[in-house]
Amino acid sequence: MYEHFFQCPYCWEEISFLLDFSVSRQTYVEDCEVCCNPIEVTARFENQELVGFEAKELGQ
């Protein structure tokens, strides 16, 4: 597992999610631990290194 720190797109607080680097490309939804809003996370790994990351508001 890989812990990645980033800014929540809703409340702008720094938070972290654990990412599974055994999956090369992943997209999922997880709630912000501060404001509880849903965040769509996309992560891309190559050779167990994070090469792409995006966290965006989930359109409602």
PDB file of N, CA and C in Angstrom:
ATOM      1  N   MET A   1       0.847  -1.188   0.000  1.00  0.00           N
ATOM      2  CA  MET A   1       0.000   0.000   0.000  1.00  0.00           C
ATOM      3  C   MET A   1       0.891   1.249   0.000  1.00  0.00           C
ATOM      4  N   TYR A   2       0.343   2.297  -0.573  1.00  0.00           N
ATOM      5  CA  TYR A   2       1.077   3.553  -0.735  1.00  0.00           C
ATOM      6  C   TYR A   2       0.204   4.680  -0.186  1.00  0.00           C
ATOM      7  N   GLU A   3       0.704   5.438   0.774  1.00  0.00           N
ATOM      8  CA  GLU A   3      -0.065   6.552   1.336  1.00  0.00           C
ATOM      9  C   GLU A   3       0.250   7.817   0.535  1.00  0.00           C
ATOM     10  N   HIS A   4      -0.808   8.428   0.005  1.00  0.00           N
ATOM     11  CA  HIS A   4      -0.639   9.634  -0.810  1.00  0.00           C
ATOM     12  C   HIS A   4      -1.394  10.791  -0.152  1.00  0.00           C
ATOM     13  N   PHE A   5      -0.701  11.906   0.071  1.00  0.00           N
ATOM     14  CA  PHE A   5      -1.294  13.101   0.660  1.00  0.00           C
ATOM     15  C   PHE A   5      -1.688  14.067  -0.455  1.00  0.00           C
ATOM     16  N   PHE A   6      -2.851  14.686  -0.313  1.00  0.00           N
ATOM     17  CA  PHE A   6      -3.339  15.641  -1.311  1.00  0.00           C
ATOM     18  C   PHE A   6      -4.373  16.552  -0.665  1.00  0.00           C
ATOM     19  N   GLN A   7      -4.806  17.542  -1.405  1.00  0.00           N
ATOM     20  CA  GLN A   7      -5.779  18.514  -0.908  1.00  0.00           C
ATOM     21  C   GLN A   7      -7.181  18.115  -1.354  1.00  0.00           C
ATOM     22  N   CYS A   8      -8.133  18.103  -0.424  1.00  0.00           N
ATOM     23  CA  CYS A   8      -9.521  17.785  -0.745  1.00  0.00           C
ATOM     24  C   CYS A   8     -10.063  18.856  -1.698  1.00  0.00           C
ATOM     25  N   PRO A   9     -10.737  18.451  -2.783  1.00  0.00           N
ATOM     26  CA  PRO A   9     -11.277  19.433  -3.722  1.00  0.00           C
ATOM     27  C   PRO A   9     -12.497  20.197  -3.187  1.00  0.00           C
ATOM     28  N   TYR A  10     -13.020  19.807  -2.040  1.00  0.00           N
ATOM     29  CA  TYR A  10     -14.158  20.502  -1.437  1.00  0.00           C
ATOM     30  C   TYR A  10     -13.720  21.472  -0.337  1.00  0.00           C
ATOM     31  N   CYS A  11     -13.035  20.937   0.673  1.00  0.00           N
ATOM     32  CA  CYS A  11     -12.707  21.745   1.862  1.00  0.00           C
ATOM     33  C   CYS A  11     -11.256  22.237   1.862  1.00  0.00           C
ATOM     34  N   TRP A  12     -10.454  21.771   0.924  1.00  0.00           N
ATOM     35  CA  TRP A  12      -9.057  22.178   0.751  1.00  0.00           C
ATOM     36  C   TRP A  12      -8.124  21.757   1.885  1.00  0.00           C
ATOM     37  N   GLU A  13      -8.598  20.891   2.785  1.00  0.00           N
ATOM     38  CA  GLU A  13      -7.738  20.351   3.843  1.00  0.00           C
ATOM     39  C   GLU A  13      -6.825  19.286   3.248  1.00  0.00           C
ATOM     40  N   GLU A  14      -5.617  19.152   3.809  1.00  0.00           N
ATOM     41  CA  GLU A  14      -4.731  18.083   3.374  1.00  0.00           C
ATOM     42  C   GLU A  14      -5.186  16.776   4.011  1.00  0.00           C
ATOM     43  N   ILE A  15      -5.416  15.771   3.175  1.00  0.00           N
ATOM     44  CA  ILE A  15      -5.828  14.452   3.637  1.00  0.00           C
ATOM     45  C   ILE A  15      -4.946  13.418   2.938  1.00  0.00           C
ATOM     46  N   SER A  16      -5.108  12.165   3.315  1.00  0.00           N
ATOM     47  CA  SER A  16      -4.359  11.100   2.645  1.00  0.00           C
ATOM     48  C   SER A  16      -5.261   9.894   2.434  1.00  0.00           C
ATOM     49  N   PHE A  17      -4.990   9.174   1.364  1.00  0.00           N
ATOM     50  CA  PHE A  17      -5.656   7.907   1.086  1.00  0.00           C
ATOM     51  C   PHE A  17      -4.572   6.858   0.892  1.00  0.00           C
ATOM     52  N   LEU A  18      -4.904   5.626   1.224  1.00  0.00           N
ATOM     53  CA  LEU A  18      -4.014   4.505   0.940  1.00  0.00           C
ATOM     54  C   LEU A  18      -4.354   3.968  -0.443  1.00  0.00           C
ATOM     55  N   LEU A  19      -3.345   3.874  -1.294  1.00  0.00           N
ATOM     56  CA  LEU A  19      -3.517   3.395  -2.656  1.00  0.00           C
ATOM     57  C   LEU A  19      -2.814   2.051  -2.802  1.00  0.00           C
ATOM     58  N   ASP A  20      -3.421   1.157  -3.562  1.00  0.00           N
ATOM     59  CA  ASP A  20      -2.868  -0.171  -3.787  1.00  0.00           C
ATOM     60  C   ASP A  20      -2.022  -0.146  -5.053  1.00  0.00           C
ATOM     61  N   PHE A  21      -0.688  -0.168  -4.922  1.00  0.00           N
ATOM     62  CA  PHE A  21       0.174  -0.067  -6.088  1.00  0.00           C
ATOM     63  C   PHE A  21       0.247  -1.366  -6.892  1.00  0.00           C
ATOM     64  N   SER A  22      -0.409  -2.441  -6.428  1.00  0.00           N
ATOM     65  CA  SER A  22      -0.438  -3.683  -7.206  1.00  0.00           C
ATOM     66  C   SER A  22      -1.435  -3.597  -8.363  1.00  0.00           C
ATOM     67  N   VAL A  23      -2.294  -2.568  -8.362  1.00  0.00           N
ATOM     68  CA  VAL A  23      -3.243  -2.329  -9.449  1.00  0.00           C
ATOM     69  C   VAL A  23      -2.721  -1.128 -10.231  1.00  0.00           C
ATOM     70  N   SER A  24      -2.373  -1.328 -11.504  1.00  0.00           N
ATOM     71  CA  SER A  24      -1.678  -0.274 -12.261  1.00  0.00           C
ATOM     72  C   SER A  24      -2.539   0.959 -12.522  1.00  0.00           C
ATOM     73  N   ARG A  25      -3.848   0.790 -12.740  1.00  0.00           N
ATOM     74  CA  ARG A  25      -4.734   1.937 -12.951  1.00  0.00           C
ATOM     75  C   ARG A  25      -6.014   1.684 -12.165  1.00  0.00           C
ATOM     76  N   GLN A  26      -6.424   2.669 -11.384  1.00  0.00           N
ATOM     77  CA  GLN A  26      -7.605   2.498 -10.544  1.00  0.00           C
ATOM     78  C   GLN A  26      -8.384   3.797 -10.439  1.00  0.00           C
ATOM     79  N   THR A  27      -9.703   3.656 -10.429  1.00  0.00           N
ATOM     80  CA  THR A  27     -10.606   4.785 -10.213  1.00  0.00           C
ATOM     81  C   THR A  27     -11.664   4.322  -9.219  1.00  0.00           C
ATOM     82  N   TYR A  28     -11.867   5.111  -8.180  1.00  0.00           N
ATOM     83  CA  TYR A  28     -12.856   4.757  -7.166  1.00  0.00           C
ATOM     84  C   TYR A  28     -13.305   6.018  -6.446  1.00  0.00           C
ATOM     85  N   VAL A  29     -14.323   5.880  -5.614  1.00  0.00           N
ATOM     86  CA  VAL A  29     -14.869   7.004  -4.848  1.00  0.00           C
ATOM     87  C   VAL A  29     -14.640   6.733  -3.371  1.00  0.00           C
ATOM     88  N   GLU A  30     -14.119   7.748  -2.674  1.00  0.00           N
ATOM     89  CA  GLU A  30     -13.910   7.661  -1.228  1.00  0.00           C
ATOM     90  C   GLU A  30     -14.273   9.010  -0.621  1.00  0.00           C
ATOM     91  N   ASP A  31     -14.840   8.988   0.571  1.00  0.00           N
ATOM     92  CA  ASP A  31     -15.242  10.224   1.244  1.00  0.00           C
ATOM     93  C   ASP A  31     -14.051  10.903   1.916  1.00  0.00           C
ATOM     94  N   CYS A  32     -14.054  12.231   1.899  1.00  0.00           N
ATOM     95  CA  CYS A  32     -13.051  13.011   2.614  1.00  0.00           C
ATOM     96  C   CYS A  32     -13.219  12.756   4.106  1.00  0.00           C
ATOM     97  N   GLU A  33     -12.109  12.531   4.789  1.00  0.00           N
ATOM     98  CA  GLU A  33     -12.163  12.260   6.229  1.00  0.00           C
ATOM     99  C   GLU A  33     -12.472  13.506   7.049  1.00  0.00           C
ATOM    100  N   VAL A  34     -12.405  14.698   6.437  1.00  0.00           N
ATOM    101  CA  VAL A  34     -12.676  15.952   7.140  1.00  0.00           C
ATOM    102  C   VAL A  34     -14.109  16.416   6.888  1.00  0.00           C
ATOM    103  N   CYS A  35     -14.488  16.563   5.610  1.00  0.00           N
ATOM    104  CA  CYS A  35     -15.809  17.135   5.293  1.00  0.00           C
ATOM    105  C   CYS A  35     -16.832  16.095   4.833  1.00  0.00           C
ATOM    106  N   CYS A  36     -16.413  14.858   4.649  1.00  0.00           N
ATOM    107  CA  CYS A  36     -17.277  13.723   4.295  1.00  0.00           C
ATOM    108  C   CYS A  36     -17.866  13.781   2.887  1.00  0.00           C
ATOM    109  N   ASN A  37     -17.405  14.686   2.034  1.00  0.00           N
ATOM    110  CA  ASN A  37     -17.884  14.731   0.660  1.00  0.00           C
ATOM    111  C   ASN A  37     -17.189  13.651  -0.168  1.00  0.00           C
ATOM    112  N   PRO A  38     -17.892  13.120  -1.199  1.00  0.00           N
ATOM    113  CA  PRO A  38     -17.310  12.054  -2.024  1.00  0.00           C
ATOM    114  C   PRO A  38     -16.288  12.600  -3.020  1.00  0.00           C
ATOM    115  N   ILE A  39     -15.142  11.944  -3.099  1.00  0.00           N
ATOM    116  CA  ILE A  39     -14.054  12.337  -3.994  1.00  0.00           C
ATOM    117  C   ILE A  39     -13.801  11.188  -4.964  1.00  0.00           C
ATOM    118  N   GLU A  40     -13.777  11.517  -6.256  1.00  0.00           N
ATOM    119  CA  GLU A  40     -13.410  10.518  -7.253  1.00  0.00           C
ATOM    120  C   GLU A  40     -11.890  10.530  -7.404  1.00  0.00           C
ATOM    121  N   VAL A  41     -11.274   9.403  -7.132  1.00  0.00           N
ATOM    122  CA  VAL A  41      -9.822   9.278  -7.150  1.00  0.00           C
ATOM    123  C   VAL A  41      -9.411   8.418  -8.336  1.00  0.00           C
ATOM    124  N   THR A  42      -8.437   8.902  -9.097  1.00  0.00           N
ATOM    125  CA  THR A  42      -7.835   8.118 -10.166  1.00  0.00           C
ATOM    126  C   THR A  42      -6.335   8.089  -9.912  1.00  0.00           C
ATOM    127  N   ALA A  43      -5.777   6.892  -9.865  1.00  0.00           N
ATOM    128  CA  ALA A  43      -4.341   6.737  -9.618  1.00  0.00           C
ATOM    129  C   ALA A  43      -3.758   5.791 -10.658  1.00  0.00           C
ATOM    130  N   ARG A  44      -2.529   6.083 -11.066  1.00  0.00           N
ATOM    131  CA  ARG A  44      -1.836   5.244 -12.037  1.00  0.00           C
ATOM    132  C   ARG A  44      -0.428   4.947 -11.525  1.00  0.00           C
ATOM    133  N   PHE A  45      -0.077   3.682 -11.549  1.00  0.00           N
ATOM    134  CA  PHE A  45       1.231   3.237 -11.077  1.00  0.00           C
ATOM    135  C   PHE A  45       1.992   2.560 -12.215  1.00  0.00           C
ATOM    136  N   GLU A  46       3.301   2.751 -12.234  1.00  0.00           N
ATOM    137  CA  GLU A  46       4.204   2.021 -13.111  1.00  0.00           C
ATOM    138  C   GLU A  46       5.384   1.570 -12.252  1.00  0.00           C
ATOM    139  N   ASN A  47       5.695   0.293 -12.316  1.00  0.00           N
ATOM    140  CA  ASN A  47       6.793  -0.272 -11.512  1.00  0.00           C
ATOM    141  C   ASN A  47       6.661   0.087 -10.037  1.00  0.00           C
ATOM    142  N   GLN A  48       5.459   0.012  -9.526  1.00  0.00           N
ATOM    143  CA  GLN A  48       5.125   0.290  -8.130  1.00  0.00           C
ATOM    144  C   GLN A  48       5.416   1.729  -7.707  1.00  0.00           C
ATOM    145  N   GLU A  49       5.457   2.656  -8.668  1.00  0.00           N
ATOM    146  CA  GLU A  49       5.622   4.081  -8.382  1.00  0.00           C
ATOM    147  C   GLU A  49       4.415   4.834  -8.909  1.00  0.00           C
ATOM    148  N   LEU A  50       3.947   5.786  -8.135  1.00  0.00           N
ATOM    149  CA  LEU A  50       2.810   6.606  -8.540  1.00  0.00           C
ATOM    150  C   LEU A  50       3.249   7.553  -9.648  1.00  0.00           C
ATOM    151  N   VAL A  51       2.615   7.448 -10.826  1.00  0.00           N
ATOM    152  CA  VAL A  51       2.972   8.308 -11.954  1.00  0.00           C
ATOM    153  C   VAL A  51       1.826   9.241 -12.354  1.00  0.00           C
ATOM    154  N   GLY A  52       0.651   9.024 -11.797  1.00  0.00           N
ATOM    155  CA  GLY A  52      -0.477   9.906 -12.070  1.00  0.00           C
ATOM    156  C   GLY A  52      -1.492   9.839 -10.953  1.00  0.00           C
ATOM    157  N   PHE A  53      -2.016  10.994 -10.563  1.00  0.00           N
ATOM    158  CA  PHE A  53      -3.015  11.037  -9.494  1.00  0.00           C
ATOM    159  C   PHE A  53      -3.953  12.209  -9.741  1.00  0.00           C
ATOM    160  N   GLU A  54      -5.257  11.958  -9.590  1.00  0.00           N
ATOM    161  CA  GLU A  54      -6.246  13.026  -9.705  1.00  0.00           C
ATOM    162  C   GLU A  54      -7.331  12.775  -8.661  1.00  0.00           C
ATOM    163  N   ALA A  55      -7.708  13.843  -7.976  1.00  0.00           N
ATOM    164  CA  ALA A  55      -8.808  13.791  -7.004  1.00  0.00           C
ATOM    165  C   ALA A  55      -9.762  14.916  -7.371  1.00  0.00           C
ATOM    166  N   LYS A  56     -10.999  14.560  -7.715  1.00  0.00           N
ATOM    167  CA  LYS A  56     -11.930  15.603  -8.133  1.00  0.00           C
ATOM    168  C   LYS A  56     -13.290  15.415  -7.481  1.00  0.00           C
ATOM    169  N   GLU A  57     -14.022  16.514  -7.469  1.00  0.00           N
ATOM    170  CA  GLU A  57     -15.381  16.497  -6.916  1.00  0.00           C
ATOM    171  C   GLU A  57     -16.227  15.526  -7.732  1.00  0.00           C
ATOM    172  N   LEU A  58     -17.081  14.826  -7.054  1.00  0.00           N
ATOM    173  CA  LEU A  58     -17.992  13.905  -7.723  1.00  0.00           C
ATOM    174  C   LEU A  58     -19.226  14.707  -8.113  1.00  0.00           C
ATOM    175  N   GLY A  59     -19.458  14.850  -9.398  1.00  0.00           N
ATOM    176  CA  GLY A  59     -20.602  15.632  -9.885  1.00  0.00           C
ATOM    177  C   GLY A  59     -21.921  15.055  -9.382  1.00  0.00           C
ATOM    178  N   GLN A  60     -22.707  15.903  -8.737  1.00  0.00           N
ATOM    179  CA  GLN A  60     -23.977  15.423  -8.181  1.00  0.00           C
ATOM    180  C   GLN A  60     -25.128  16.143  -8.835  1.00  0.00           C
TER     181      GLN A  60
END
